[in-house]
Each structure stands twice: as C-alpha cells, then as structure tokens.
Amino acid sequence: MVKTVRLEPIAQDSAIETMGNLLSVLLNKDLDVLKECGGHGRCATCHIYVKDGMASLTPIARREQRTLEVITSCKPNSRLACQARVIGSGVVVELPPGMYVNSIKDIEALIGRRAEQDLLHPLTGQVLVEAGKLITRSMLKKIEDTTPFNPSNYFSNSSSV
C-alpha cells in the first residue's frame, strides 16, 4: 500500500510503499543526502526531524538510538531517514538546515568565501562553519581534525549493537 510523506520546507509530497524507508524519499527528490555509512544508521548524513507522524514510523532501534546520541543537533523528534520506515499516514519530515561536509576537498575551493549555509560534520551534525562566516585555513584545520569520517571512531566505546 502506498503512503504519502510530506517534505518541509520544500512543501512537496512524495509517495512511498508501506515499510519503505524515508531515505528513499529524500533520494527520489534529489535532495543533498550523502548516506556516508551506506544507509546502516551509523552516520548523521540522513538525519531528519519528524514534524508530524512519528507514530506512523517504525520504532527507533538500538543502533539508531546510539547514532542519535552523538548528533549534536539531535532533538526529541530526530530520526535517521535510513532507519525510519513508514507504516502509517501523515508523516511530515524536515531536513536540518545546513550542508554536510563529505570531504576536505569539498570545501578547499571555498577558502576565502563566506559559507552560504552551515557546514555540518557528517557524523555528529556539529556546525563546523556557520552560515555567513568566512571559510579560512584555520577553519580547514578544524575540519581536518575531525577526519577521517570513520563511524567506528565515534562508537568504539559503545557496546555492540
């Protein structure tokens, strides 16, 4: 059975099969989602906020909960799109504002410019460079200190999931 998911703030509806994950909706709309961990619930690159319809999604599993615990922009209505499957109607989701940094090379060419939107760490969602701020070499060093983006670095002290 087909369900509808509303994407905010772009105000678009998207059809999804029952038990389809929200990541497929984001990818079908060509939204900038990196899925750095390959959709396994270990990074923040598909982090979303569920504005309505949380009960119409599968419950949060332990792996997703562990990942959400390290996301600095996490809120009570946070989910990972790769882990949230649609089981009912009325789901409205919103992407966190900002752009996830995939690699240092992505922003090297931007040194000396102002960030058009927040640049976010792909695992924690931490704002690395705020929107409107100048991207400097020292900012690049701060970002380099957070790479490589290896999820196991962040979960090494966690019990196995």
N, C-alpha and C. Protein backbone atom coordinates (compact mmCIF):
# COMPACT_ATOMS: atom_id res chain seq x y z
N MET A 1 0.85 -1.18 0.00
CA MET A 1 0.00 0.00 0.00
C MET A 1 0.89 1.24 0.00
N VAL A 2 0.48 2.25 -0.74
CA VAL A 2 1.27 3.46 -0.89
C VAL A 2 0.85 4.50 0.16
N LYS A 3 1.85 5.13 0.77
CA LYS A 3 1.65 6.21 1.75
C LYS A 3 2.23 7.49 1.16
N THR A 4 1.90 8.61 1.78
CA THR A 4 2.44 9.89 1.34
C THR A 4 3.26 10.50 2.47
N VAL A 5 4.42 11.01 2.13
CA VAL A 5 5.29 11.70 3.07
C VAL A 5 5.45 13.13 2.58
N ARG A 6 5.30 14.08 3.47
CA ARG A 6 5.46 15.50 3.13
C ARG A 6 6.85 15.94 3.55
N LEU A 7 7.55 16.61 2.64
CA LEU A 7 8.89 17.13 2.90
C LEU A 7 8.81 18.64 3.11
N GLU A 8 9.33 19.08 4.22
CA GLU A 8 9.40 20.51 4.52
C GLU A 8 10.87 20.90 4.59
N PRO A 9 11.26 22.10 4.32
CA PRO A 9 10.43 23.24 3.98
C PRO A 9 10.14 23.38 2.49
N ILE A 10 10.42 22.34 1.69
CA ILE A 10 10.19 22.45 0.25
C ILE A 10 8.73 22.21 -0.13
N ALA A 11 7.90 21.84 0.84
CA ALA A 11 6.46 21.68 0.64
C ALA A 11 6.13 20.75 -0.52
N GLN A 12 6.76 19.57 -0.53
CA GLN A 12 6.49 18.58 -1.57
C GLN A 12 6.02 17.28 -0.93
N ASP A 13 5.08 16.63 -1.58
CA ASP A 13 4.61 15.32 -1.14
C ASP A 13 5.29 14.27 -2.00
N SER A 14 5.56 13.12 -1.39
CA SER A 14 6.20 12.03 -2.11
C SER A 14 5.53 10.72 -1.71
N ALA A 15 5.28 9.87 -2.68
CA ALA A 15 4.68 8.57 -2.42
C ALA A 15 5.76 7.58 -2.00
N ILE A 16 5.40 6.68 -1.08
CA ILE A 16 6.31 5.66 -0.61
C ILE A 16 5.51 4.42 -0.26
N GLU A 17 6.06 3.27 -0.56
CA GLU A 17 5.42 2.00 -0.21
C GLU A 17 5.46 1.81 1.30
N THR A 18 4.48 1.12 1.84
CA THR A 18 4.50 0.76 3.26
C THR A 18 5.78 -0.01 3.54
N MET A 19 6.45 0.33 4.62
CA MET A 19 7.73 -0.22 5.07
C MET A 19 8.92 0.29 4.24
N GLY A 20 8.69 1.26 3.36
CA GLY A 20 9.80 1.90 2.68
C GLY A 20 10.48 2.86 3.65
N ASN A 21 11.80 3.05 3.51
CA ASN A 21 12.46 3.97 4.45
C ASN A 21 12.45 5.39 3.90
N LEU A 22 12.54 6.34 4.82
CA LEU A 22 12.46 7.75 4.44
C LEU A 22 13.65 8.19 3.60
N LEU A 23 14.77 7.49 3.69
CA LEU A 23 15.93 7.84 2.86
C LEU A 23 15.57 7.76 1.39
N SER A 24 14.79 6.76 1.00
CA SER A 24 14.41 6.62 -0.42
C SER A 24 13.60 7.83 -0.88
N VAL A 25 12.80 8.39 -0.01
CA VAL A 25 12.03 9.59 -0.36
C VAL A 25 12.97 10.76 -0.63
N LEU A 26 13.96 10.94 0.25
CA LEU A 26 14.91 12.04 0.09
C LEU A 26 15.73 11.88 -1.19
N LEU A 27 16.16 10.66 -1.47
CA LEU A 27 16.97 10.42 -2.67
C LEU A 27 16.13 10.60 -3.94
N ASN A 28 14.87 10.19 -3.89
CA ASN A 28 13.99 10.35 -5.05
C ASN A 28 13.73 11.81 -5.38
N LYS A 29 13.83 12.68 -4.40
CA LYS A 29 13.64 14.11 -4.60
C LYS A 29 14.95 14.83 -4.90
N ASP A 30 16.01 14.07 -5.13
CA ASP A 30 17.33 14.63 -5.43
C ASP A 30 17.82 15.61 -4.37
N LEU A 31 17.51 15.32 -3.11
CA LEU A 31 17.99 16.16 -2.03
C LEU A 31 19.42 15.77 -1.69
N ASP A 32 20.16 16.71 -1.15
CA ASP A 32 21.59 16.52 -0.88
C ASP A 32 21.79 15.68 0.38
N VAL A 33 21.68 14.36 0.22
CA VAL A 33 21.85 13.42 1.32
C VAL A 33 23.05 12.54 0.95
N LEU A 34 24.05 12.52 1.82
CA LEU A 34 25.28 11.80 1.48
C LEU A 34 25.20 10.30 1.74
N LYS A 35 24.42 9.87 2.71
CA LYS A 35 24.37 8.47 3.14
C LYS A 35 25.78 7.89 3.26
N GLU A 36 26.59 8.61 4.03
CA GLU A 36 28.02 8.30 4.19
C GLU A 36 28.27 6.87 4.66
N CYS A 37 27.39 6.32 5.50
CA CYS A 37 27.61 4.96 6.02
C CYS A 37 26.89 3.91 5.17
N GLY A 38 26.31 4.31 4.06
CA GLY A 38 25.63 3.37 3.18
C GLY A 38 24.24 2.98 3.66
N GLY A 39 23.64 3.78 4.52
CA GLY A 39 22.29 3.51 4.99
C GLY A 39 22.21 2.51 6.13
N HIS A 40 23.29 2.42 6.91
CA HIS A 40 23.33 1.46 8.02
C HIS A 40 23.09 2.08 9.38
N GLY A 41 22.72 3.37 9.41
CA GLY A 41 22.39 4.02 10.68
C GLY A 41 23.59 4.37 11.53
N ARG A 42 24.75 4.61 10.91
CA ARG A 42 25.96 4.89 11.68
C ARG A 42 26.49 6.30 11.48
N CYS A 43 25.83 7.12 10.68
CA CYS A 43 26.28 8.50 10.48
C CYS A 43 25.07 9.42 10.57
N ALA A 44 25.32 10.70 10.45
CA ALA A 44 24.23 11.68 10.58
C ALA A 44 23.79 12.27 9.25
N THR A 45 24.31 11.77 8.15
CA THR A 45 24.06 12.43 6.87
C THR A 45 22.63 12.28 6.37
N CYS A 46 21.83 11.46 7.00
CA CYS A 46 20.41 11.38 6.62
C CYS A 46 19.52 11.76 7.81
N HIS A 47 20.10 12.50 8.76
CA HIS A 47 19.37 12.97 9.94
C HIS A 47 18.24 13.89 9.50
N ILE A 48 17.05 13.65 10.04
CA ILE A 48 15.87 14.45 9.73
C ILE A 48 15.12 14.73 11.03
N TYR A 49 14.19 15.68 10.95
CA TYR A 49 13.27 15.94 12.05
C TYR A 49 11.88 15.52 11.58
N VAL A 50 11.17 14.77 12.41
CA VAL A 50 9.81 14.36 12.10
C VAL A 50 8.89 15.41 12.73
N LYS A 51 8.29 16.24 11.87
CA LYS A 51 7.42 17.31 12.36
C LYS A 51 6.04 16.78 12.73
N ASP A 52 5.62 15.69 12.09
CA ASP A 52 4.32 15.09 12.39
C ASP A 52 4.35 13.63 11.94
N GLY A 53 3.63 12.79 12.65
CA GLY A 53 3.50 11.40 12.24
C GLY A 53 4.55 10.45 12.78
N MET A 54 5.17 10.77 13.90
CA MET A 54 6.19 9.88 14.48
C MET A 54 5.60 8.49 14.73
N ALA A 55 4.34 8.42 15.12
CA ALA A 55 3.69 7.12 15.38
C ALA A 55 3.47 6.32 14.09
N SER A 56 3.61 6.98 12.93
CA SER A 56 3.45 6.30 11.64
C SER A 56 4.76 5.76 11.10
N LEU A 57 5.80 5.77 11.96
CA LEU A 57 7.12 5.24 11.60
C LEU A 57 7.46 4.08 12.52
N THR A 58 8.33 3.19 12.04
CA THR A 58 8.79 2.10 12.89
C THR A 58 9.51 2.70 14.10
N PRO A 59 9.52 1.98 15.22
CA PRO A 59 10.20 2.49 16.42
C PRO A 59 11.71 2.61 16.21
N ILE A 60 12.34 3.42 17.03
CA ILE A 60 13.79 3.60 16.97
C ILE A 60 14.47 2.36 17.55
N ALA A 61 15.34 1.76 16.75
CA ALA A 61 16.11 0.59 17.20
C ALA A 61 17.37 1.06 17.93
N ARG A 62 18.03 0.14 18.58
CA ARG A 62 19.20 0.47 19.38
C ARG A 62 20.32 1.14 18.59
N ARG A 63 20.62 0.62 17.39
CA ARG A 63 21.69 1.22 16.57
C ARG A 63 21.37 2.67 16.24
N GLU A 64 20.14 2.92 15.83
CA GLU A 64 19.74 4.30 15.51
C GLU A 64 19.83 5.18 16.75
N GLN A 65 19.41 4.69 17.89
CA GLN A 65 19.47 5.46 19.13
C GLN A 65 20.90 5.83 19.47
N ARG A 66 21.83 4.89 19.31
CA ARG A 66 23.25 5.15 19.59
C ARG A 66 23.78 6.26 18.68
N THR A 67 23.41 6.21 17.41
CA THR A 67 23.86 7.24 16.48
C THR A 67 23.24 8.59 16.84
N LEU A 68 21.97 8.60 17.15
CA LEU A 68 21.31 9.85 17.51
C LEU A 68 21.95 10.49 18.75
N GLU A 69 22.48 9.68 19.64
CA GLU A 69 23.11 10.20 20.86
C GLU A 69 24.35 11.04 20.58
N VAL A 70 25.02 10.84 19.44
CA VAL A 70 26.22 11.62 19.14
C VAL A 70 25.93 12.80 18.22
N ILE A 71 24.71 12.92 17.73
CA ILE A 71 24.38 14.04 16.84
C ILE A 71 24.10 15.26 17.70
N THR A 72 24.90 16.31 17.49
CA THR A 72 24.76 17.50 18.33
C THR A 72 23.49 18.28 18.05
N SER A 73 22.93 18.12 16.86
CA SER A 73 21.71 18.85 16.51
C SER A 73 20.47 17.99 16.74
N CYS A 74 20.63 16.91 17.51
CA CYS A 74 19.53 15.97 17.78
C CYS A 74 18.46 16.61 18.66
N LYS A 75 17.22 16.33 18.34
CA LYS A 75 16.07 16.79 19.11
C LYS A 75 15.20 15.57 19.38
N PRO A 76 14.19 15.70 20.26
CA PRO A 76 13.31 14.55 20.53
C PRO A 76 12.61 13.99 19.29
N ASN A 77 12.44 14.82 18.26
CA ASN A 77 11.78 14.36 17.04
C ASN A 77 12.78 13.99 15.95
N SER A 78 14.04 13.74 16.31
CA SER A 78 15.07 13.35 15.34
C SER A 78 14.94 11.88 14.97
N ARG A 79 15.23 11.59 13.71
CA ARG A 79 15.31 10.21 13.22
C ARG A 79 16.40 10.16 12.16
N LEU A 80 16.86 8.97 11.86
CA LEU A 80 17.74 8.74 10.72
C LEU A 80 16.84 8.23 9.61
N ALA A 81 16.85 8.90 8.47
CA ALA A 81 15.95 8.55 7.37
C ALA A 81 16.17 7.12 6.89
N CYS A 82 17.41 6.63 6.99
CA CYS A 82 17.70 5.27 6.52
C CYS A 82 17.10 4.21 7.43
N GLN A 83 16.79 4.56 8.66
CA GLN A 83 16.28 3.59 9.63
C GLN A 83 14.77 3.71 9.86
N ALA A 84 14.20 4.86 9.52
CA ALA A 84 12.78 5.11 9.77
C ALA A 84 11.95 4.59 8.59
N ARG A 85 11.15 3.57 8.86
CA ARG A 85 10.27 3.00 7.83
C ARG A 85 8.85 3.45 8.06
N VAL A 86 8.15 3.75 6.96
CA VAL A 86 6.79 4.27 7.03
C VAL A 86 5.80 3.12 7.18
N ILE A 87 5.00 3.18 8.24
CA ILE A 87 3.98 2.14 8.46
C ILE A 87 2.57 2.73 8.49
N GLY A 88 2.46 4.06 8.48
CA GLY A 88 1.16 4.71 8.52
C GLY A 88 1.16 5.99 7.71
N SER A 89 0.12 6.78 7.89
CA SER A 89 -0.04 8.01 7.11
C SER A 89 0.31 9.24 7.95
N GLY A 90 0.40 10.37 7.25
CA GLY A 90 0.57 11.65 7.93
C GLY A 90 1.97 11.99 8.36
N VAL A 91 2.98 11.43 7.70
CA VAL A 91 4.37 11.72 8.07
C VAL A 91 4.82 13.01 7.38
N VAL A 92 5.34 13.93 8.19
CA VAL A 92 5.90 15.19 7.68
C VAL A 92 7.32 15.28 8.23
N VAL A 93 8.31 15.40 7.34
CA VAL A 93 9.70 15.46 7.76
C VAL A 93 10.36 16.75 7.28
N GLU A 94 11.40 17.14 8.01
CA GLU A 94 12.16 18.33 7.66
C GLU A 94 13.65 18.01 7.79
N LEU A 95 14.43 18.46 6.83
CA LEU A 95 15.87 18.28 6.88
C LEU A 95 16.48 19.36 7.77
N PRO A 96 17.51 19.01 8.57
CA PRO A 96 18.19 20.05 9.34
C PRO A 96 18.83 21.06 8.39
N PRO A 97 18.80 22.33 8.76
CA PRO A 97 19.42 23.33 7.88
C PRO A 97 20.93 23.16 7.85
N GLY A 98 21.52 23.29 6.68
CA GLY A 98 22.96 23.18 6.53
C GLY A 98 23.33 22.14 5.51
N MET A 99 24.64 22.02 5.28
CA MET A 99 25.16 21.07 4.31
C MET A 99 26.21 20.22 5.00
N TYR A 100 26.10 18.90 4.88
CA TYR A 100 27.08 18.01 5.46
C TYR A 100 28.35 18.01 4.61
N VAL A 101 29.50 18.11 5.27
CA VAL A 101 30.79 18.09 4.59
C VAL A 101 31.15 16.63 4.33
N ASN A 102 31.41 16.30 3.09
CA ASN A 102 31.77 14.94 2.72
C ASN A 102 33.27 14.73 2.80
N SER A 103 34.03 15.74 2.39
CA SER A 103 35.49 15.61 2.44
C SER A 103 36.11 16.99 2.47
N ILE A 104 37.37 17.04 2.84
CA ILE A 104 38.12 18.30 2.88
C ILE A 104 38.14 18.94 1.50
N LYS A 105 38.28 18.13 0.46
CA LYS A 105 38.34 18.67 -0.90
C LYS A 105 37.08 19.42 -1.28
N ASP A 106 35.94 19.03 -0.68
CA ASP A 106 34.68 19.71 -0.97
C ASP A 106 34.73 21.19 -0.62
N ILE A 107 35.51 21.54 0.41
CA ILE A 107 35.50 22.93 0.83
C ILE A 107 36.81 23.67 0.61
N GLU A 108 37.87 22.98 0.18
CA GLU A 108 39.14 23.66 -0.07
C GLU A 108 38.98 24.81 -1.04
N ALA A 109 38.16 24.62 -2.06
CA ALA A 109 37.95 25.66 -3.07
C ALA A 109 37.15 26.84 -2.51
N LEU A 110 36.55 26.67 -1.34
CA LEU A 110 35.72 27.72 -0.76
C LEU A 110 36.49 28.62 0.21
N ILE A 111 37.76 28.32 0.46
CA ILE A 111 38.55 29.16 1.37
C ILE A 111 38.55 30.59 0.86
N GLY A 112 38.27 31.51 1.78
CA GLY A 112 38.20 32.93 1.41
C GLY A 112 36.79 33.39 1.10
N ARG A 113 35.85 32.46 0.99
CA ARG A 113 34.45 32.81 0.74
C ARG A 113 33.66 32.66 2.03
N ARG A 114 32.47 33.21 2.02
CA ARG A 114 31.56 33.04 3.15
C ARG A 114 30.69 31.80 2.90
N ALA A 115 30.46 31.05 3.95
CA ALA A 115 29.61 29.86 3.84
C ALA A 115 28.17 30.31 3.56
N GLU A 116 27.57 29.76 2.52
CA GLU A 116 26.19 30.11 2.18
C GLU A 116 25.21 29.51 3.17
N GLN A 117 25.58 28.39 3.77
CA GLN A 117 24.77 27.74 4.80
C GLN A 117 25.72 27.07 5.77
N ASP A 118 25.21 26.66 6.92
CA ASP A 118 26.06 25.97 7.89
C ASP A 118 26.70 24.76 7.23
N LEU A 119 27.99 24.55 7.50
CA LEU A 119 28.68 23.34 7.06
C LEU A 119 28.72 22.41 8.25
N LEU A 120 28.21 21.18 8.08
CA LEU A 120 27.99 20.27 9.19
C LEU A 120 28.89 19.04 9.10
N HIS A 121 29.33 18.56 10.26
CA HIS A 121 30.10 17.31 10.34
C HIS A 121 29.16 16.15 10.00
N PRO A 122 29.56 15.21 9.14
CA PRO A 122 28.65 14.17 8.69
C PRO A 122 28.29 13.12 9.74
N LEU A 123 29.04 13.02 10.81
CA LEU A 123 28.70 12.03 11.83
C LEU A 123 27.96 12.64 13.00
N THR A 124 28.39 13.80 13.45
CA THR A 124 27.81 14.38 14.65
C THR A 124 26.80 15.49 14.36
N GLY A 125 26.80 16.02 13.15
CA GLY A 125 25.92 17.14 12.83
C GLY A 125 26.42 18.45 13.40
N GLN A 126 27.59 18.44 14.03
CA GLN A 126 28.18 19.65 14.61
C GLN A 126 28.41 20.69 13.52
N VAL A 127 28.10 21.94 13.81
CA VAL A 127 28.35 23.02 12.86
C VAL A 127 29.85 23.29 12.84
N LEU A 128 30.47 23.06 11.70
CA LEU A 128 31.90 23.29 11.54
C LEU A 128 32.17 24.74 11.12
N VAL A 129 31.34 25.26 10.23
CA VAL A 129 31.42 26.66 9.80
C VAL A 129 30.00 27.18 9.72
N GLU A 130 29.71 28.27 10.44
CA GLU A 130 28.37 28.84 10.44
C GLU A 130 28.09 29.59 9.14
N ALA A 131 26.82 29.60 8.75
CA ALA A 131 26.40 30.35 7.56
C ALA A 131 26.81 31.81 7.73
N GLY A 132 27.34 32.38 6.66
CA GLY A 132 27.75 33.78 6.69
C GLY A 132 29.18 34.00 7.17
N LYS A 133 29.80 32.98 7.77
CA LYS A 133 31.17 33.11 8.27
C LYS A 133 32.16 32.81 7.16
N LEU A 134 33.30 33.45 7.26
CA LEU A 134 34.36 33.26 6.29
C LEU A 134 35.02 31.90 6.50
N ILE A 135 35.23 31.18 5.42
CA ILE A 135 35.92 29.89 5.48
C ILE A 135 37.41 30.19 5.34
N THR A 136 38.15 29.92 6.41
CA THR A 136 39.58 30.24 6.44
C THR A 136 40.41 28.96 6.53
N ARG A 137 41.70 29.12 6.36
CA ARG A 137 42.59 27.96 6.50
C ARG A 137 42.50 27.37 7.91
N SER A 138 42.32 28.23 8.92
CA SER A 138 42.21 27.71 10.28
C SER A 138 40.92 26.90 10.44
N MET A 139 39.85 27.29 9.75
CA MET A 139 38.62 26.50 9.75
C MET A 139 38.89 25.15 9.09
N LEU A 140 39.68 25.17 8.03
CA LEU A 140 40.02 23.93 7.33
C LEU A 140 40.77 22.99 8.28
N LYS A 141 41.66 23.54 9.11
CA LYS A 141 42.40 22.73 10.08
C LYS A 141 41.42 22.10 11.06
N LYS A 142 40.45 22.87 11.53
CA LYS A 142 39.44 22.34 12.46
C LYS A 142 38.69 21.17 11.83
N ILE A 143 38.38 21.30 10.56
CA ILE A 143 37.66 20.25 9.86
C ILE A 143 38.58 19.05 9.65
N GLU A 144 39.85 19.29 9.30
CA GLU A 144 40.79 18.19 9.12
C GLU A 144 40.94 17.38 10.40
N ASP A 145 40.85 18.04 11.55
CA ASP A 145 40.99 17.35 12.83
C ASP A 145 39.83 16.39 13.08
N THR A 146 38.75 16.53 12.35
CA THR A 146 37.60 15.64 12.54
C THR A 146 37.58 14.50 11.54
N THR A 147 38.55 14.47 10.62
CA THR A 147 38.57 13.42 9.61
C THR A 147 39.64 12.40 9.97
N PRO A 148 39.66 11.22 9.46
CA PRO A 148 38.69 10.72 8.51
C PRO A 148 37.33 10.48 9.19
N PHE A 149 36.29 10.60 8.42
CA PHE A 149 34.94 10.42 8.93
C PHE A 149 34.68 8.93 9.08
N ASN A 150 35.15 8.37 10.15
CA ASN A 150 35.04 6.94 10.38
C ASN A 150 34.09 6.69 11.54
N PRO A 151 32.91 6.14 11.26
CA PRO A 151 31.94 5.93 12.33
C PRO A 151 32.48 5.11 13.48
N SER A 152 33.39 4.18 13.24
CA SER A 152 33.89 3.34 14.33
C SER A 152 34.65 4.17 15.36
N ASN A 153 35.23 5.31 14.94
CA ASN A 153 35.90 6.18 15.89
C ASN A 153 34.92 6.71 16.94
N TYR A 154 33.70 6.92 16.54
CA TYR A 154 32.71 7.50 17.42
C TYR A 154 31.98 6.46 18.25
N PHE A 155 32.02 5.22 17.84
CA PHE A 155 31.28 4.19 18.53
C PHE A 155 32.18 3.16 19.19
N SER A 156 33.49 3.44 19.23
CA SER A 156 34.43 2.46 19.77
C SER A 156 34.17 2.17 21.25
N ASN A 157 33.61 3.12 21.96
CA ASN A 157 33.35 2.92 23.39
C ASN A 157 31.94 2.40 23.63
N SER A 158 31.16 2.19 22.58
CA SER A 158 29.80 1.69 22.74
C SER A 158 29.80 0.17 22.76
N SER A 159 28.82 -0.37 23.43
CA SER A 159 28.68 -1.83 23.34
C SER A 159 28.14 -2.18 21.97
N SER A 160 28.37 -3.39 21.54
CA SER A 160 27.93 -3.78 20.19
C SER A 160 26.43 -3.70 20.08
N VAL A 161 25.99 -3.38 18.88
CA VAL A 161 24.56 -3.18 18.63
C VAL A 161 23.96 -4.39 17.96
